[in-house]
Amino acid sequence: MTVELGLLIALVYSIVESLEKFGVDRNLAHLTAIPLGILSSFTLLQCTSIREYLIKGLVIGIGAVGTCDTACNVVKKVKKNIKRSD
């Protein structure tokens, strides 16, 4: 189950990043991660209850947003350090 959640987090992350590249505001794109996570859990996972679908969907959405923010912070820090060394 962990592998499936990781793959769905990556899928939602890539959709959110694509939305940002197409010009959607960053905050709005990140807000879409939660419904996308819930939707993906209902369509792509096999759970035993609606509560389980919702919890896993929230984990997927929040995980995707966390991945987005972490990746952005790392890239900014690396770019900042490269500029300092020049």
N, C-alpha and C. Protein backbone atom coordinates (compact mmCIF):
# COMPACT_ATOMS: atom_id res chain seq x y z
N MET A 1 0.82 -1.19 0.00
CA MET A 1 0.00 0.00 0.00
C MET A 1 0.86 1.26 0.00
N THR A 2 2.02 1.20 0.62
CA THR A 2 2.91 2.36 0.68
C THR A 2 3.40 2.75 -0.71
N VAL A 3 3.67 1.76 -1.53
CA VAL A 3 4.14 2.04 -2.89
C VAL A 3 3.05 2.76 -3.68
N GLU A 4 1.81 2.30 -3.54
CA GLU A 4 0.71 2.93 -4.26
C GLU A 4 0.53 4.38 -3.82
N LEU A 5 0.62 4.63 -2.52
CA LEU A 5 0.50 6.00 -2.03
C LEU A 5 1.63 6.87 -2.57
N GLY A 6 2.83 6.35 -2.57
CA GLY A 6 3.97 7.10 -3.11
C GLY A 6 3.80 7.42 -4.58
N LEU A 7 3.32 6.47 -5.34
CA LEU A 7 3.10 6.72 -6.77
C LEU A 7 2.00 7.75 -6.99
N LEU A 8 0.95 7.68 -6.20
CA LEU A 8 -0.13 8.65 -6.34
C LEU A 8 0.30 10.05 -5.90
N ILE A 9 1.15 10.12 -4.88
CA ILE A 9 1.71 11.41 -4.48
C ILE A 9 2.51 12.00 -5.64
N ALA A 10 3.31 11.17 -6.28
CA ALA A 10 4.11 11.63 -7.42
C ALA A 10 3.21 12.07 -8.58
N LEU A 11 2.12 11.35 -8.80
CA LEU A 11 1.19 11.69 -9.87
C LEU A 11 0.53 13.04 -9.59
N VAL A 12 0.02 13.22 -8.39
CA VAL A 12 -0.63 14.48 -8.03
C VAL A 12 0.38 15.62 -8.04
N TYR A 13 1.59 15.36 -7.56
CA TYR A 13 2.66 16.37 -7.60
C TYR A 13 2.92 16.83 -9.04
N SER A 14 3.00 15.89 -9.96
CA SER A 14 3.28 16.25 -11.35
C SER A 14 2.13 17.05 -11.96
N ILE A 15 0.89 16.73 -11.58
CA ILE A 15 -0.26 17.49 -12.08
C ILE A 15 -0.21 18.92 -11.54
N VAL A 16 0.07 19.05 -10.25
CA VAL A 16 0.13 20.38 -9.63
C VAL A 16 1.25 21.21 -10.25
N GLU A 17 2.40 20.61 -10.46
CA GLU A 17 3.51 21.33 -11.09
C GLU A 17 3.17 21.73 -12.51
N SER A 18 2.46 20.87 -13.23
CA SER A 18 2.04 21.20 -14.60
C SER A 18 1.08 22.38 -14.59
N LEU A 19 0.16 22.40 -13.62
CA LEU A 19 -0.76 23.53 -13.51
C LEU A 19 0.01 24.83 -13.28
N GLU A 20 1.03 24.77 -12.45
CA GLU A 20 1.85 25.97 -12.20
C GLU A 20 2.57 26.41 -13.47
N LYS A 21 3.07 25.46 -14.25
CA LYS A 21 3.77 25.79 -15.50
C LYS A 21 2.83 26.40 -16.52
N PHE A 22 1.54 26.03 -16.47
CA PHE A 22 0.55 26.59 -17.39
C PHE A 22 0.02 27.94 -16.92
N GLY A 23 0.55 28.45 -15.81
CA GLY A 23 0.20 29.79 -15.39
C GLY A 23 -0.82 29.90 -14.27
N VAL A 24 -1.24 28.77 -13.71
CA VAL A 24 -2.16 28.81 -12.57
C VAL A 24 -1.39 29.32 -11.36
N ASP A 25 -2.02 30.19 -10.58
CA ASP A 25 -1.40 30.72 -9.38
C ASP A 25 -0.92 29.58 -8.48
N ARG A 26 0.24 29.76 -7.89
CA ARG A 26 0.85 28.71 -7.07
C ARG A 26 -0.06 28.24 -5.94
N ASN A 27 -0.68 29.19 -5.24
CA ASN A 27 -1.55 28.83 -4.13
C ASN A 27 -2.78 28.06 -4.60
N LEU A 28 -3.34 28.47 -5.72
CA LEU A 28 -4.50 27.77 -6.27
C LEU A 28 -4.12 26.37 -6.74
N ALA A 29 -2.96 26.26 -7.36
CA ALA A 29 -2.50 24.95 -7.82
C ALA A 29 -2.30 24.00 -6.64
N HIS A 30 -1.74 24.51 -5.54
CA HIS A 30 -1.53 23.68 -4.36
C HIS A 30 -2.85 23.29 -3.72
N LEU A 31 -3.85 24.17 -3.79
CA LEU A 31 -5.16 23.82 -3.24
C LEU A 31 -5.83 22.70 -4.02
N THR A 32 -5.52 22.59 -5.29
CA THR A 32 -6.11 21.51 -6.09
C THR A 32 -5.53 20.14 -5.74
N ALA A 33 -4.42 20.11 -5.04
CA ALA A 33 -3.80 18.84 -4.70
C ALA A 33 -4.68 17.99 -3.78
N ILE A 34 -5.39 18.63 -2.86
CA ILE A 34 -6.23 17.88 -1.92
C ILE A 34 -7.38 17.18 -2.65
N PRO A 35 -8.19 17.91 -3.46
CA PRO A 35 -9.24 17.20 -4.19
C PRO A 35 -8.69 16.17 -5.17
N LEU A 36 -7.55 16.47 -5.79
CA LEU A 36 -6.95 15.48 -6.69
C LEU A 36 -6.52 14.24 -5.93
N GLY A 37 -5.99 14.42 -4.73
CA GLY A 37 -5.61 13.27 -3.91
C GLY A 37 -6.80 12.43 -3.52
N ILE A 38 -7.88 13.08 -3.13
CA ILE A 38 -9.09 12.34 -2.75
C ILE A 38 -9.68 11.63 -3.97
N LEU A 39 -9.73 12.33 -5.09
CA LEU A 39 -10.26 11.73 -6.32
C LEU A 39 -9.42 10.53 -6.74
N SER A 40 -8.11 10.66 -6.66
CA SER A 40 -7.24 9.55 -7.05
C SER A 40 -7.39 8.36 -6.10
N SER A 41 -7.63 8.62 -4.82
CA SER A 41 -7.81 7.50 -3.89
C SER A 41 -9.10 6.74 -4.21
N PHE A 42 -10.17 7.48 -4.53
CA PHE A 42 -11.43 6.82 -4.86
C PHE A 42 -11.34 6.03 -6.17
N THR A 43 -10.59 6.55 -7.13
CA THR A 43 -10.55 5.90 -8.44
C THR A 43 -9.46 4.84 -8.59
N LEU A 44 -8.35 4.99 -7.87
CA LEU A 44 -7.22 4.10 -8.12
C LEU A 44 -6.85 3.17 -6.98
N LEU A 45 -7.43 3.36 -5.81
CA LEU A 45 -7.14 2.49 -4.67
C LEU A 45 -8.35 1.61 -4.35
N GLN A 46 -8.07 0.52 -3.68
CA GLN A 46 -9.14 -0.34 -3.20
C GLN A 46 -9.14 -0.29 -1.68
N CYS A 47 -10.11 0.41 -1.14
CA CYS A 47 -10.22 0.55 0.31
C CYS A 47 -11.53 -0.09 0.77
N THR A 48 -11.66 -0.24 2.08
CA THR A 48 -12.83 -0.92 2.63
C THR A 48 -13.92 0.04 3.08
N SER A 49 -13.60 1.33 3.26
CA SER A 49 -14.62 2.27 3.71
C SER A 49 -14.36 3.64 3.10
N ILE A 50 -15.39 4.47 3.13
CA ILE A 50 -15.26 5.82 2.61
C ILE A 50 -14.27 6.61 3.46
N ARG A 51 -14.28 6.36 4.75
CA ARG A 51 -13.34 7.04 5.65
C ARG A 51 -11.89 6.75 5.25
N GLU A 52 -11.62 5.51 4.91
CA GLU A 52 -10.27 5.12 4.49
C GLU A 52 -9.89 5.81 3.19
N TYR A 53 -10.84 5.88 2.23
CA TYR A 53 -10.58 6.60 0.98
C TYR A 53 -10.23 8.06 1.26
N LEU A 54 -11.01 8.70 2.13
CA LEU A 54 -10.79 10.11 2.43
C LEU A 54 -9.46 10.35 3.13
N ILE A 55 -9.12 9.51 4.09
CA ILE A 55 -7.86 9.67 4.82
C ILE A 55 -6.67 9.48 3.87
N LYS A 56 -6.73 8.43 3.06
CA LYS A 56 -5.63 8.20 2.12
C LYS A 56 -5.56 9.30 1.07
N GLY A 57 -6.71 9.81 0.66
CA GLY A 57 -6.73 10.92 -0.29
C GLY A 57 -6.11 12.17 0.28
N LEU A 58 -6.40 12.45 1.55
CA LEU A 58 -5.77 13.59 2.22
C LEU A 58 -4.27 13.41 2.33
N VAL A 59 -3.84 12.21 2.65
CA VAL A 59 -2.40 11.93 2.73
C VAL A 59 -1.75 12.16 1.38
N ILE A 60 -2.40 11.72 0.31
CA ILE A 60 -1.85 11.91 -1.04
C ILE A 60 -1.76 13.40 -1.36
N GLY A 61 -2.84 14.13 -1.12
CA GLY A 61 -2.86 15.56 -1.44
C GLY A 61 -1.86 16.36 -0.63
N ILE A 62 -1.84 16.12 0.67
CA ILE A 62 -0.91 16.85 1.54
C ILE A 62 0.53 16.45 1.23
N GLY A 63 0.75 15.18 0.93
CA GLY A 63 2.10 14.73 0.56
C GLY A 63 2.58 15.39 -0.72
N ALA A 64 1.67 15.56 -1.69
CA ALA A 64 2.03 16.21 -2.94
C ALA A 64 2.37 17.68 -2.72
N VAL A 65 1.59 18.36 -1.89
CA VAL A 65 1.87 19.77 -1.59
C VAL A 65 3.19 19.90 -0.84
N GLY A 66 3.43 19.00 0.09
CA GLY A 66 4.70 19.01 0.83
C GLY A 66 5.88 18.78 -0.09
N THR A 67 5.71 17.89 -1.05
CA THR A 67 6.76 17.63 -2.02
C THR A 67 7.02 18.86 -2.87
N CYS A 68 5.93 19.52 -3.29
CA CYS A 68 6.08 20.75 -4.09
C CYS A 68 6.86 21.81 -3.32
N ASP A 69 6.45 22.06 -2.10
CA ASP A 69 7.10 23.10 -1.30
C ASP A 69 8.55 22.75 -1.00
N THR A 70 8.82 21.52 -0.67
CA THR A 70 10.18 21.10 -0.37
C THR A 70 11.07 21.22 -1.59
N ALA A 71 10.59 20.76 -2.74
CA ALA A 71 11.38 20.85 -3.96
C ALA A 71 11.67 22.31 -4.31
N CYS A 72 10.66 23.17 -4.18
CA CYS A 72 10.86 24.60 -4.48
C CYS A 72 11.89 25.22 -3.54
N ASN A 73 11.82 24.89 -2.27
CA ASN A 73 12.76 25.44 -1.29
C ASN A 73 14.18 24.98 -1.58
N VAL A 74 14.35 23.73 -1.93
CA VAL A 74 15.69 23.19 -2.22
C VAL A 74 16.27 23.86 -3.45
N VAL A 75 15.46 24.00 -4.49
CA VAL A 75 15.95 24.64 -5.72
C VAL A 75 16.34 26.09 -5.46
N LYS A 76 15.51 26.81 -4.71
CA LYS A 76 15.84 28.21 -4.39
C LYS A 76 17.15 28.31 -3.61
N LYS A 77 17.33 27.40 -2.65
CA LYS A 77 18.54 27.43 -1.83
C LYS A 77 19.78 27.12 -2.69
N VAL A 78 19.66 26.15 -3.58
CA VAL A 78 20.79 25.80 -4.44
C VAL A 78 21.12 26.97 -5.37
N LYS A 79 20.09 27.59 -5.95
CA LYS A 79 20.34 28.74 -6.83
C LYS A 79 21.00 29.89 -6.06
N LYS A 80 20.55 30.10 -4.84
CA LYS A 80 21.11 31.17 -4.01
C LYS A 80 22.58 30.89 -3.72
N ASN A 81 22.92 29.64 -3.40
CA ASN A 81 24.30 29.28 -3.12
C ASN A 81 25.17 29.37 -4.34
N ILE A 82 24.63 29.06 -5.51
CA ILE A 82 25.40 29.16 -6.74
C ILE A 82 25.72 30.63 -7.03
N LYS A 83 24.75 31.51 -6.82
CA LYS A 83 24.97 32.93 -7.05
C LYS A 83 26.01 33.51 -6.10
N ARG A 84 26.03 33.02 -4.86
CA ARG A 84 27.01 33.49 -3.87
C ARG A 84 28.43 33.12 -4.29
N SER A 85 28.59 31.93 -4.87
CA SER A 85 29.94 31.46 -5.20
C SER A 85 30.48 32.14 -6.46
N ASP A 86 29.61 32.79 -7.23
CA ASP A 86 30.08 33.48 -8.45
C ASP A 86 30.74 34.77 -8.15
